[in-house]
Amino acid sequence: MSTRTWIVAIGLCAFVTASGAYAAAALVSQKGKIFTPDELTQGSGSTLRIDNDDTIPHNVQVTTPDGENRNMGMQKPGEFADVVLDKSGDFMVRCGIHPKMKLVIHAR
């Protein structure tokens, strides 16, 4: 393989890796005591960032497709929680402080 071919191959690998890392994260906002969006589909193995864009604290609580409960702790205004979608199926997200707040994540 020529030097030029190697350079192109390495550049392509770097681009694909960087693009994949960027595409793996999605963003959800907590504001006005709602999640926005309140339903979405993400790839299994990706990370979902949930920002508290509100003026009050929230507490992200996640139920995984197999029923495991994960408490992500308190998020003060301006803080966030990262939820790793490590299984395929539906993740149910609620706020432990405001139980009417609901988010459904379909991990495929």
PDB file of N, CA and C in Angstrom:
ATOM      1  N   MET A   1       0.840  -1.164   0.000  1.00  0.00           N
ATOM      2  CA  MET A   1       0.000   0.000   0.000  1.00  0.00           C
ATOM      3  C   MET A   1       0.893   1.237   0.000  1.00  0.00           C
ATOM      4  N   SER A   2       0.528   2.210  -0.780  1.00  0.00           N
ATOM      5  CA  SER A   2       1.337   3.423  -0.864  1.00  0.00           C
ATOM      6  C   SER A   2       1.120   4.312   0.365  1.00  0.00           C
ATOM      7  N   THR A   3       2.043   5.255   0.551  1.00  0.00           N
ATOM      8  CA  THR A   3       1.937   6.195   1.669  1.00  0.00           C
ATOM      9  C   THR A   3       0.659   7.002   1.576  1.00  0.00           C
ATOM     10  N   ARG A   4       0.320   7.412   0.374  1.00  0.00           N
ATOM     11  CA  ARG A   4      -0.893   8.209   0.187  1.00  0.00           C
ATOM     12  C   ARG A   4      -2.130   7.404   0.565  1.00  0.00           C
ATOM     13  N   THR A   5      -2.188   6.148   0.205  1.00  0.00           N
ATOM     14  CA  THR A   5      -3.320   5.289   0.547  1.00  0.00           C
ATOM     15  C   THR A   5      -3.444   5.156   2.062  1.00  0.00           C
ATOM     16  N   TRP A   6      -2.305   4.995   2.743  1.00  0.00           N
ATOM     17  CA  TRP A   6      -2.314   4.896   4.208  1.00  0.00           C
ATOM     18  C   TRP A   6      -2.840   6.182   4.839  1.00  0.00           C
ATOM     19  N   ILE A   7      -2.416   7.313   4.341  1.00  0.00           N
ATOM     20  CA  ILE A   7      -2.859   8.600   4.885  1.00  0.00           C
ATOM     21  C   ILE A   7      -4.368   8.759   4.706  1.00  0.00           C
ATOM     22  N   VAL A   8      -4.871   8.413   3.536  1.00  0.00           N
ATOM     23  CA  VAL A   8      -6.307   8.506   3.280  1.00  0.00           C
ATOM     24  C   VAL A   8      -7.061   7.542   4.194  1.00  0.00           C
ATOM     25  N   ALA A   9      -6.553   6.328   4.363  1.00  0.00           N
ATOM     26  CA  ALA A   9      -7.210   5.332   5.218  1.00  0.00           C
ATOM     27  C   ALA A   9      -7.244   5.795   6.669  1.00  0.00           C
ATOM     28  N   ILE A  10      -6.138   6.328   7.164  1.00  0.00           N
ATOM     29  CA  ILE A  10      -6.086   6.813   8.544  1.00  0.00           C
ATOM     30  C   ILE A  10      -7.037   7.990   8.738  1.00  0.00           C
ATOM     31  N   GLY A  11      -7.055   8.903   7.779  1.00  0.00           N
ATOM     32  CA  GLY A  11      -7.964  10.049   7.857  1.00  0.00           C
ATOM     33  C   GLY A  11      -9.417   9.617   7.862  1.00  0.00           C
ATOM     34  N   LEU A  12      -9.760   8.644   7.033  1.00  0.00           N
ATOM     35  CA  LEU A  12     -11.123   8.132   6.969  1.00  0.00           C
ATOM     36  C   LEU A  12     -11.509   7.477   8.296  1.00  0.00           C
ATOM     37  N   CYS A  13     -10.607   6.693   8.874  1.00  0.00           N
ATOM     38  CA  CYS A  13     -10.877   6.057  10.175  1.00  0.00           C
ATOM     39  C   CYS A  13     -11.095   7.110  11.255  1.00  0.00           C
ATOM     40  N   ALA A  14     -10.298   8.146  11.265  1.00  0.00           N
ATOM     41  CA  ALA A  14     -10.440   9.215  12.256  1.00  0.00           C
ATOM     42  C   ALA A  14     -11.779   9.916  12.095  1.00  0.00           C
ATOM     43  N   PHE A  15     -12.190  10.178  10.846  1.00  0.00           N
ATOM     44  CA  PHE A  15     -13.464  10.829  10.582  1.00  0.00           C
ATOM     45  C   PHE A  15     -14.628   9.975  11.046  1.00  0.00           C
ATOM     46  N   VAL A  16     -14.602   8.686  10.721  1.00  0.00           N
ATOM     47  CA  VAL A  16     -15.676   7.775  11.117  1.00  0.00           C
ATOM     48  C   VAL A  16     -15.748   7.670  12.633  1.00  0.00           C
ATOM     49  N   THR A  17     -14.598   7.558  13.295  1.00  0.00           N
ATOM     50  CA  THR A  17     -14.574   7.472  14.754  1.00  0.00           C
ATOM     51  C   THR A  17     -15.129   8.740  15.378  1.00  0.00           C
ATOM     52  N   ALA A  18     -14.703   9.884  14.924  1.00  0.00           N
ATOM     53  CA  ALA A  18     -15.189  11.152  15.476  1.00  0.00           C
ATOM     54  C   ALA A  18     -16.675  11.322  15.210  1.00  0.00           C
ATOM     55  N   SER A  19     -17.124  10.984  14.033  1.00  0.00           N
ATOM     56  CA  SER A  19     -18.536  11.116  13.695  1.00  0.00           C
ATOM     57  C   SER A  19     -19.374  10.196  14.550  1.00  0.00           C
ATOM     58  N   GLY A  20     -18.908   8.972  14.776  1.00  0.00           N
ATOM     59  CA  GLY A  20     -19.641   8.020  15.594  1.00  0.00           C
ATOM     60  C   GLY A  20     -19.772   8.488  17.016  1.00  0.00           C
ATOM     61  N   ALA A  21     -18.729   9.071  17.577  1.00  0.00           N
ATOM     62  CA  ALA A  21     -18.773   9.556  18.951  1.00  0.00           C
ATOM     63  C   ALA A  21     -19.772  10.703  19.073  1.00  0.00           C
ATOM     64  N   TYR A  22     -19.791  11.570  18.094  1.00  0.00           N
ATOM     65  CA  TYR A  22     -20.708  12.698  18.128  1.00  0.00           C
ATOM     66  C   TYR A  22     -22.146  12.228  17.991  1.00  0.00           C
ATOM     67  N   ALA A  23     -22.389  11.276  17.107  1.00  0.00           N
ATOM     68  CA  ALA A  23     -23.744  10.807  16.853  1.00  0.00           C
ATOM     69  C   ALA A  23     -24.293   9.976  18.004  1.00  0.00           C
ATOM     70  N   ALA A  24     -23.435   9.468  18.895  1.00  0.00           N
ATOM     71  CA  ALA A  24     -23.879   8.588  19.964  1.00  0.00           C
ATOM     72  C   ALA A  24     -24.577   9.340  21.085  1.00  0.00           C
ATOM     73  N   ALA A  25     -24.444  10.652  21.177  1.00  0.00           N
ATOM     74  CA  ALA A  25     -25.042  11.402  22.276  1.00  0.00           C
ATOM     75  C   ALA A  25     -26.269  12.166  21.787  1.00  0.00           C
ATOM     76  N   ALA A  26     -27.330  12.100  22.561  1.00  0.00           N
ATOM     77  CA  ALA A  26     -28.533  12.872  22.253  1.00  0.00           C
ATOM     78  C   ALA A  26     -28.794  13.785  23.436  1.00  0.00           C
ATOM     79  N   LEU A  27     -29.654  14.752  23.241  1.00  0.00           N
ATOM     80  CA  LEU A  27     -29.890  15.737  24.283  1.00  0.00           C
ATOM     81  C   LEU A  27     -31.380  15.854  24.574  1.00  0.00           C
ATOM     82  N   VAL A  28     -31.699  15.833  25.867  1.00  0.00           N
ATOM     83  CA  VAL A  28     -33.062  16.055  26.343  1.00  0.00           C
ATOM     84  C   VAL A  28     -33.004  17.200  27.338  1.00  0.00           C
ATOM     85  N   SER A  29     -34.012  18.039  27.344  1.00  0.00           N
ATOM     86  CA  SER A  29     -34.084  19.173  28.260  1.00  0.00           C
ATOM     87  C   SER A  29     -35.160  18.935  29.311  1.00  0.00           C
ATOM     88  N   GLN A  30     -34.877  19.372  30.529  1.00  0.00           N
ATOM     89  CA  GLN A  30     -35.883  19.413  31.594  1.00  0.00           C
ATOM     90  C   GLN A  30     -36.189  20.888  31.832  1.00  0.00           C
ATOM     91  N   LYS A  31     -37.405  21.306  31.528  1.00  0.00           N
ATOM     92  CA  LYS A  31     -37.784  22.700  31.743  1.00  0.00           C
ATOM     93  C   LYS A  31     -39.304  22.780  31.841  1.00  0.00           C
ATOM     94  N   GLY A  32     -39.786  23.606  32.748  1.00  0.00           N
ATOM     95  CA  GLY A  32     -41.236  23.723  32.912  1.00  0.00           C
ATOM     96  C   GLY A  32     -41.856  22.439  33.419  1.00  0.00           C
ATOM     97  N   LYS A  33     -41.075  21.656  34.121  1.00  0.00           N
ATOM     98  CA  LYS A  33     -41.502  20.359  34.673  1.00  0.00           C
ATOM     99  C   LYS A  33     -41.933  19.371  33.590  1.00  0.00           C
ATOM    100  N   ILE A  34     -41.238  19.434  32.427  1.00  0.00           N
ATOM    101  CA  ILE A  34     -41.447  18.437  31.371  1.00  0.00           C
ATOM    102  C   ILE A  34     -40.090  18.078  30.752  1.00  0.00           C
ATOM    103  N   PHE A  35     -40.036  16.884  30.166  1.00  0.00           N
ATOM    104  CA  PHE A  35     -38.889  16.479  29.361  1.00  0.00           C
ATOM    105  C   PHE A  35     -39.193  16.854  27.917  1.00  0.00           C
ATOM    106  N   THR A  36     -38.215  17.422  27.225  1.00  0.00           N
ATOM    107  CA  THR A  36     -38.376  17.751  25.807  1.00  0.00           C
ATOM    108  C   THR A  36     -37.187  17.214  25.042  1.00  0.00           C
ATOM    109  N   PRO A  37     -37.385  16.295  24.099  1.00  0.00           N
ATOM    110  CA  PRO A  37     -38.648  15.652  23.759  1.00  0.00           C
ATOM    111  C   PRO A  37     -39.052  14.666  24.859  1.00  0.00           C
ATOM    112  N   ASP A  38     -40.305  14.201  24.809  1.00  0.00           N
ATOM    113  CA  ASP A  38     -40.761  13.254  25.823  1.00  0.00           C
ATOM    114  C   ASP A  38     -40.716  11.806  25.339  1.00  0.00           C
ATOM    115  N   GLU A  39     -40.298  11.620  24.084  1.00  0.00           N
ATOM    116  CA  GLU A  39     -40.117  10.275  23.531  1.00  0.00           C
ATOM    117  C   GLU A  39     -39.116  10.359  22.390  1.00  0.00           C
ATOM    118  N   LEU A  40     -38.193   9.396  22.340  1.00  0.00           N
ATOM    119  CA  LEU A  40     -37.233   9.366  21.242  1.00  0.00           C
ATOM    120  C   LEU A  40     -36.655   7.965  21.081  1.00  0.00           C
ATOM    121  N   THR A  41     -36.035   7.741  19.935  1.00  0.00           N
ATOM    122  CA  THR A  41     -35.378   6.473  19.635  1.00  0.00           C
ATOM    123  C   THR A  41     -33.893   6.725  19.462  1.00  0.00           C
ATOM    124  N   GLN A  42     -33.084   5.913  20.132  1.00  0.00           N
ATOM    125  CA  GLN A  42     -31.620   6.015  20.090  1.00  0.00           C
ATOM    126  C   GLN A  42     -31.051   4.629  19.855  1.00  0.00           C
ATOM    127  N   GLY A  43     -29.823   4.589  19.402  1.00  0.00           N
ATOM    128  CA  GLY A  43     -29.146   3.323  19.224  1.00  0.00           C
ATOM    129  C   GLY A  43     -28.740   2.737  20.570  1.00  0.00           C
ATOM    130  N   SER A  44     -28.891   1.445  20.706  1.00  0.00           N
ATOM    131  CA  SER A  44     -28.424   0.768  21.911  1.00  0.00           C
ATOM    132  C   SER A  44     -26.921   0.977  22.031  1.00  0.00           C
ATOM    133  N   GLY A  45     -26.443   1.288  23.225  1.00  0.00           N
ATOM    134  CA  GLY A  45     -25.034   1.570  23.440  1.00  0.00           C
ATOM    135  C   GLY A  45     -24.712   3.055  23.407  1.00  0.00           C
ATOM    136  N   SER A  46     -25.690   3.878  23.065  1.00  0.00           N
ATOM    137  CA  SER A  46     -25.448   5.323  23.023  1.00  0.00           C
ATOM    138  C   SER A  46     -25.684   5.944  24.404  1.00  0.00           C
ATOM    139  N   THR A  47     -25.364   7.205  24.514  1.00  0.00           N
ATOM    140  CA  THR A  47     -25.531   7.952  25.754  1.00  0.00           C
ATOM    141  C   THR A  47     -26.518   9.081  25.527  1.00  0.00           C
ATOM    142  N   LEU A  48     -27.413   9.253  26.471  1.00  0.00           N
ATOM    143  CA  LEU A  48     -28.404  10.318  26.408  1.00  0.00           C
ATOM    144  C   LEU A  48     -28.091  11.317  27.515  1.00  0.00           C
ATOM    145  N   ARG A  49     -27.905  12.555  27.153  1.00  0.00           N
ATOM    146  CA  ARG A  49     -27.643  13.611  28.136  1.00  0.00           C
ATOM    147  C   ARG A  49     -28.946  14.345  28.419  1.00  0.00           C
ATOM    148  N   ILE A  50     -29.279  14.430  29.706  1.00  0.00           N
ATOM    149  CA  ILE A  50     -30.490  15.116  30.134  1.00  0.00           C
ATOM    150  C   ILE A  50     -30.070  16.348  30.914  1.00  0.00           C
ATOM    151  N   ASP A  51     -30.294  17.523  30.315  1.00  0.00           N
ATOM    152  CA  ASP A  51     -29.923  18.802  30.927  1.00  0.00           C
ATOM    153  C   ASP A  51     -31.066  19.347  31.768  1.00  0.00           C
ATOM    154  N   ASN A  52     -30.727  19.905  32.940  1.00  0.00           N
ATOM    155  CA  ASN A  52     -31.712  20.634  33.719  1.00  0.00           C
ATOM    156  C   ASN A  52     -31.632  22.099  33.306  1.00  0.00           C
ATOM    157  N   ASP A  53     -32.523  22.490  32.405  1.00  0.00           N
ATOM    158  CA  ASP A  53     -32.604  23.864  31.922  1.00  0.00           C
ATOM    159  C   ASP A  53     -33.651  24.661  32.696  1.00  0.00           C
ATOM    160  N   ASP A  54     -34.086  24.107  33.809  1.00  0.00           N
ATOM    161  CA  ASP A  54     -35.136  24.710  34.613  1.00  0.00           C
ATOM    162  C   ASP A  54     -34.530  25.576  35.713  1.00  0.00           C
ATOM    163  N   THR A  55     -35.382  26.232  36.476  1.00  0.00           N
ATOM    164  CA  THR A  55     -34.928  27.051  37.604  1.00  0.00           C
ATOM    165  C   THR A  55     -35.063  26.301  38.926  1.00  0.00           C
ATOM    166  N   ILE A  56     -35.493  25.051  38.847  1.00  0.00           N
ATOM    167  CA  ILE A  56     -35.691  24.208  40.027  1.00  0.00           C
ATOM    168  C   ILE A  56     -34.936  22.894  39.861  1.00  0.00           C
ATOM    169  N   PRO A  57     -34.620  22.184  40.951  1.00  0.00           N
ATOM    170  CA  PRO A  57     -33.926  20.903  40.844  1.00  0.00           C
ATOM    171  C   PRO A  57     -34.836  19.800  40.299  1.00  0.00           C
ATOM    172  N   HIS A  58     -34.197  18.803  39.705  1.00  0.00           N
ATOM    173  CA  HIS A  58     -34.878  17.597  39.236  1.00  0.00           C
ATOM    174  C   HIS A  58     -34.061  16.389  39.667  1.00  0.00           C
ATOM    175  N   ASN A  59     -34.672  15.204  39.590  1.00  0.00           N
ATOM    176  CA  ASN A  59     -34.009  13.955  39.959  1.00  0.00           C
ATOM    177  C   ASN A  59     -34.357  12.900  38.915  1.00  0.00           C
ATOM    178  N   VAL A  60     -33.424  12.649  37.986  1.00  0.00           N
ATOM    179  CA  VAL A  60     -33.652  11.681  36.917  1.00  0.00           C
ATOM    180  C   VAL A  60     -33.594  10.262  37.493  1.00  0.00           C
ATOM    181  N   GLN A  61     -34.669   9.519  37.253  1.00  0.00           N
ATOM    182  CA  GLN A  61     -34.738   8.116  37.655  1.00  0.00           C
ATOM    183  C   GLN A  61     -35.099   7.293  36.426  1.00  0.00           C
ATOM    184  N   VAL A  62     -34.327   6.238  36.180  1.00  0.00           N
ATOM    185  CA  VAL A  62     -34.445   5.448  34.963  1.00  0.00           C
ATOM    186  C   VAL A  62     -34.818   4.009  35.307  1.00  0.00           C
ATOM    187  N   THR A  63     -35.794   3.470  34.577  1.00  0.00           N
ATOM    188  CA  THR A  63     -36.102   2.047  34.648  1.00  0.00           C
ATOM    189  C   THR A  63     -35.681   1.439  33.316  1.00  0.00           C
ATOM    190  N   THR A  64     -34.766   0.468  33.367  1.00  0.00           N
ATOM    191  CA  THR A  64     -34.233  -0.164  32.157  1.00  0.00           C
ATOM    192  C   THR A  64     -35.237  -1.173  31.599  1.00  0.00           C
ATOM    193  N   PRO A  65     -35.008  -1.658  30.375  1.00  0.00           N
ATOM    194  CA  PRO A  65     -35.935  -2.629  29.781  1.00  0.00           C
ATOM    195  C   PRO A  65     -36.120  -3.898  30.619  1.00  0.00           C
ATOM    196  N   ASP A  66     -35.117  -4.275  31.413  1.00  0.00           N
ATOM    197  CA  ASP A  66     -35.248  -5.487  32.240  1.00  0.00           C
ATOM    198  C   ASP A  66     -35.701  -5.187  33.670  1.00  0.00           C
ATOM    199  N   GLY A  67     -36.140  -3.930  33.936  1.00  0.00           N
ATOM    200  CA  GLY A  67     -36.718  -3.582  35.218  1.00  0.00           C
ATOM    201  C   GLY A  67     -35.755  -3.047  36.264  1.00  0.00           C
ATOM    202  N   GLU A  68     -34.484  -2.881  35.903  1.00  0.00           N
ATOM    203  CA  GLU A  68     -33.507  -2.312  36.837  1.00  0.00           C
ATOM    204  C   GLU A  68     -33.813  -0.828  37.036  1.00  0.00           C
ATOM    205  N   ASN A  69     -33.786  -0.374  38.281  1.00  0.00           N
ATOM    206  CA  ASN A  69     -34.015   1.042  38.591  1.00  0.00           C
ATOM    207  C   ASN A  69     -32.687   1.731  38.846  1.00  0.00           C
ATOM    208  N   ARG A  70     -32.485   2.856  38.190  1.00  0.00           N
ATOM    209  CA  ARG A  70     -31.262   3.646  38.340  1.00  0.00           C
ATOM    210  C   ARG A  70     -31.641   5.062  38.765  1.00  0.00           C
ATOM    211  N   ASN A  71     -31.140   5.481  39.914  1.00  0.00           N
ATOM    212  CA  ASN A  71     -31.365   6.840  40.383  1.00  0.00           C
ATOM    213  C   ASN A  71     -30.128   7.640  40.023  1.00  0.00           C
ATOM    214  N   MET A  72     -30.282   8.624  39.145  1.00  0.00           N
ATOM    215  CA  MET A  72     -29.156   9.420  38.665  1.00  0.00           C
ATOM    216  C   MET A  72     -28.832  10.572  39.612  1.00  0.00           C
ATOM    217  N   GLY A  73     -29.554  10.686  40.722  1.00  0.00           N
ATOM    218  CA  GLY A  73     -29.283  11.724  41.693  1.00  0.00           C
ATOM    219  C   GLY A  73     -29.927  13.049  41.317  1.00  0.00           C
ATOM    220  N   MET A  74     -29.711  14.013  42.169  1.00  0.00           N
ATOM    221  CA  MET A  74     -30.291  15.349  42.000  1.00  0.00           C
ATOM    222  C   MET A  74     -29.506  16.147  40.964  1.00  0.00           C
ATOM    223  N   GLN A  75     -30.225  16.841  40.074  1.00  0.00           N
ATOM    224  CA  GLN A  75     -29.620  17.780  39.135  1.00  0.00           C
ATOM    225  C   GLN A  75     -30.145  19.164  39.462  1.00  0.00           C
ATOM    226  N   LYS A  76     -29.262  20.011  39.939  1.00  0.00           N
ATOM    227  CA  LYS A  76     -29.615  21.407  40.183  1.00  0.00           C
ATOM    228  C   LYS A  76     -29.710  22.124  38.840  1.00  0.00           C
ATOM    229  N   PRO A  77     -30.332  23.306  38.799  1.00  0.00           N
ATOM    230  CA  PRO A  77     -30.373  24.059  37.539  1.00  0.00           C
ATOM    231  C   PRO A  77     -28.967  24.200  36.941  1.00  0.00           C
ATOM    232  N   GLY A  78     -28.856  23.891  35.651  1.00  0.00           N
ATOM    233  CA  GLY A  78     -27.582  23.972  34.950  1.00  0.00           C
ATOM    234  C   GLY A  78     -26.792  22.672  34.970  1.00  0.00           C
ATOM    235  N   GLU A  79     -27.200  21.692  35.760  1.00  0.00           N
ATOM    236  CA  GLU A  79     -26.502  20.402  35.810  1.00  0.00           C
ATOM    237  C   GLU A  79     -27.168  19.418  34.850  1.00  0.00           C
ATOM    238  N   PHE A  80     -26.565  18.244  34.683  1.00  0.00           N
ATOM    239  CA  PHE A  80     -27.093  17.250  33.752  1.00  0.00           C
ATOM    240  C   PHE A  80     -26.859  15.850  34.294  1.00  0.00           C
ATOM    241  N   ALA A  81     -27.544  14.887  33.670  1.00  0.00           N
ATOM    242  CA  ALA A  81     -27.348  13.465  33.957  1.00  0.00           C
ATOM    243  C   ALA A  81     -27.128  12.764  32.624  1.00  0.00           C
ATOM    244  N   ASP A  82     -26.136  11.884  32.567  1.00  0.00           N
ATOM    245  CA  ASP A  82     -25.896  11.063  31.380  1.00  0.00           C
ATOM    246  C   ASP A  82     -26.476   9.681  31.617  1.00  0.00           C
ATOM    247  N   VAL A  83     -27.336   9.238  30.709  1.00  0.00           N
ATOM    248  CA  VAL A  83     -27.958   7.929  30.795  1.00  0.00           C
ATOM    249  C   VAL A  83     -27.378   7.065  29.684  1.00  0.00           C
ATOM    250  N   VAL A  84     -26.720   5.970  30.052  1.00  0.00           N
ATOM    251  CA  VAL A  84     -26.153   5.047  29.077  1.00  0.00           C
ATOM    252  C   VAL A  84     -27.213   4.012  28.726  1.00  0.00           C
ATOM    253  N   LEU A  85     -27.504   3.909  27.446  1.00  0.00           N
ATOM    254  CA  LEU A  85     -28.506   2.958  26.960  1.00  0.00           C
ATOM    255  C   LEU A  85     -27.791   1.645  26.646  1.00  0.00           C
ATOM    256  N   ASP A  86     -27.499   0.888  27.690  1.00  0.00           N
ATOM    257  CA  ASP A  86     -26.660  -0.297  27.569  1.00  0.00           C
ATOM    258  C   ASP A  86     -27.430  -1.573  27.243  1.00  0.00           C
ATOM    259  N   LYS A  87     -28.711  -1.446  26.989  1.00  0.00           N
ATOM    260  CA  LYS A  87     -29.553  -2.586  26.637  1.00  0.00           C
ATOM    261  C   LYS A  87     -30.496  -2.162  25.517  1.00  0.00           C
ATOM    262  N   SER A  88     -31.002  -3.114  24.780  1.00  0.00           N
ATOM    263  CA  SER A  88     -32.041  -2.822  23.790  1.00  0.00           C
ATOM    264  C   SER A  88     -33.395  -2.896  24.473  1.00  0.00           C
ATOM    265  N   GLY A  89     -34.304  -2.050  24.039  1.00  0.00           N
ATOM    266  CA  GLY A  89     -35.650  -2.032  24.606  1.00  0.00           C
ATOM    267  C   GLY A  89     -36.037  -0.639  25.035  1.00  0.00           C
ATOM    268  N   ASP A  90     -37.104  -0.552  25.801  1.00  0.00           N
ATOM    269  CA  ASP A  90     -37.632   0.742  26.218  1.00  0.00           C
ATOM    270  C   ASP A  90     -37.158   1.109  27.617  1.00  0.00           C
ATOM    271  N   PHE A  91     -36.571   2.295  27.727  1.00  0.00           N
ATOM    272  CA  PHE A  91     -36.154   2.870  29.000  1.00  0.00           C
ATOM    273  C   PHE A  91     -37.228   3.873  29.400  1.00  0.00           C
ATOM    274  N   MET A  92     -37.683   3.797  30.634  1.00  0.00           N
ATOM    275  CA  MET A  92     -38.673   4.735  31.155  1.00  0.00           C
ATOM    276  C   MET A  92     -37.951   5.689  32.106  1.00  0.00           C
ATOM    277  N   VAL A  93     -38.105   6.994  31.886  1.00  0.00           N
ATOM    278  CA  VAL A  93     -37.428   8.002  32.697  1.00  0.00           C
ATOM    279  C   VAL A  93     -38.493   8.882  33.355  1.00  0.00           C
ATOM    280  N   ARG A  94     -38.277   9.138  34.639  1.00  0.00           N
ATOM    281  CA  ARG A  94     -39.164  10.023  35.390  1.00  0.00           C
ATOM    282  C   ARG A  94     -38.326  10.933  36.260  1.00  0.00           C
ATOM    283  N   CYS A  95     -38.950  11.967  36.747  1.00  0.00           N
ATOM    284  CA  CYS A  95     -38.320  12.828  37.743  1.00  0.00           C
ATOM    285  C   CYS A  95     -38.821  12.363  39.107  1.00  0.00           C
ATOM    286  N   GLY A  96     -37.893  12.095  40.023  1.00  0.00           N
ATOM    287  CA  GLY A  96     -38.264  11.645  41.355  1.00  0.00           C
ATOM    288  C   GLY A  96     -38.950  12.721  42.181  1.00  0.00           C
ATOM    289  N   ILE A  97     -38.820  13.969  41.775  1.00  0.00           N
ATOM    290  CA  ILE A  97     -39.440  15.077  42.490  1.00  0.00           C
ATOM    291  C   ILE A  97     -40.794  15.433  41.873  1.00  0.00           C
ATOM    292  N   HIS A  98     -40.876  15.342  40.555  1.00  0.00           N
ATOM    293  CA  HIS A  98     -42.085  15.719  39.807  1.00  0.00           C
ATOM    294  C   HIS A  98     -42.562  14.500  39.013  1.00  0.00           C
ATOM    295  N   PRO A  99     -43.356  13.612  39.638  1.00  0.00           N
ATOM    296  CA  PRO A  99     -43.712  12.325  39.014  1.00  0.00           C
ATOM    297  C   PRO A  99     -44.505  12.416  37.711  1.00  0.00           C
ATOM    298  N   LYS A 100     -45.055  13.575  37.380  1.00  0.00           N
ATOM    299  CA  LYS A 100     -45.774  13.694  36.104  1.00  0.00           C
ATOM    300  C   LYS A 100     -44.817  13.829  34.924  1.00  0.00           C
ATOM    301  N   MET A 101     -43.542  14.108  35.218  1.00  0.00           N
ATOM    302  CA  MET A 101     -42.523  14.204  34.154  1.00  0.00           C
ATOM    303  C   MET A 101     -42.183  12.798  33.673  1.00  0.00           C
ATOM    304  N   LYS A 102     -42.395  12.545  32.372  1.00  0.00           N
ATOM    305  CA  LYS A 102     -42.139  11.211  31.806  1.00  0.00           C
ATOM    306  C   LYS A 102     -41.398  11.337  30.487  1.00  0.00           C
ATOM    307  N   LEU A 103     -40.474  10.403  30.278  1.00  0.00           N
ATOM    308  CA  LEU A 103     -39.705  10.310  29.035  1.00  0.00           C
ATOM    309  C   LEU A 103     -39.574   8.837  28.688  1.00  0.00           C
ATOM    310  N   VAL A 104     -39.824   8.488  27.434  1.00  0.00           N
ATOM    311  CA  VAL A 104     -39.647   7.116  26.959  1.00  0.00           C
ATOM    312  C   VAL A 104     -38.523   7.122  25.923  1.00  0.00           C
ATOM    313  N   ILE A 105     -37.538   6.248  26.128  1.00  0.00           N
ATOM    314  CA  ILE A 105     -36.419   6.114  25.189  1.00  0.00           C
ATOM    315  C   ILE A 105     -36.486   4.704  24.619  1.00  0.00           C
ATOM    316  N   HIS A 106     -36.597   4.598  23.312  1.00  0.00           N
ATOM    317  CA  HIS A 106     -36.587   3.313  22.626  1.00  0.00           C
ATOM    318  C   HIS A 106     -35.149   3.064  22.161  1.00  0.00           C
ATOM    319  N   ALA A 107     -34.468   2.133  22.813  1.00  0.00           N
ATOM    320  CA  ALA A 107     -33.077   1.807  22.434  1.00  0.00           C
ATOM    321  C   ALA A 107     -33.119   0.627  21.476  1.00  0.00           C
ATOM    322  N   ARG A 108     -32.609   0.839  20.265  1.00  0.00           N
ATOM    323  CA  ARG A 108     -32.658  -0.200  19.214  1.00  0.00           C
ATOM    324  C   ARG A 108     -31.284  -0.580  18.771  1.00  0.00           C
TER     325      ARG A 108
END
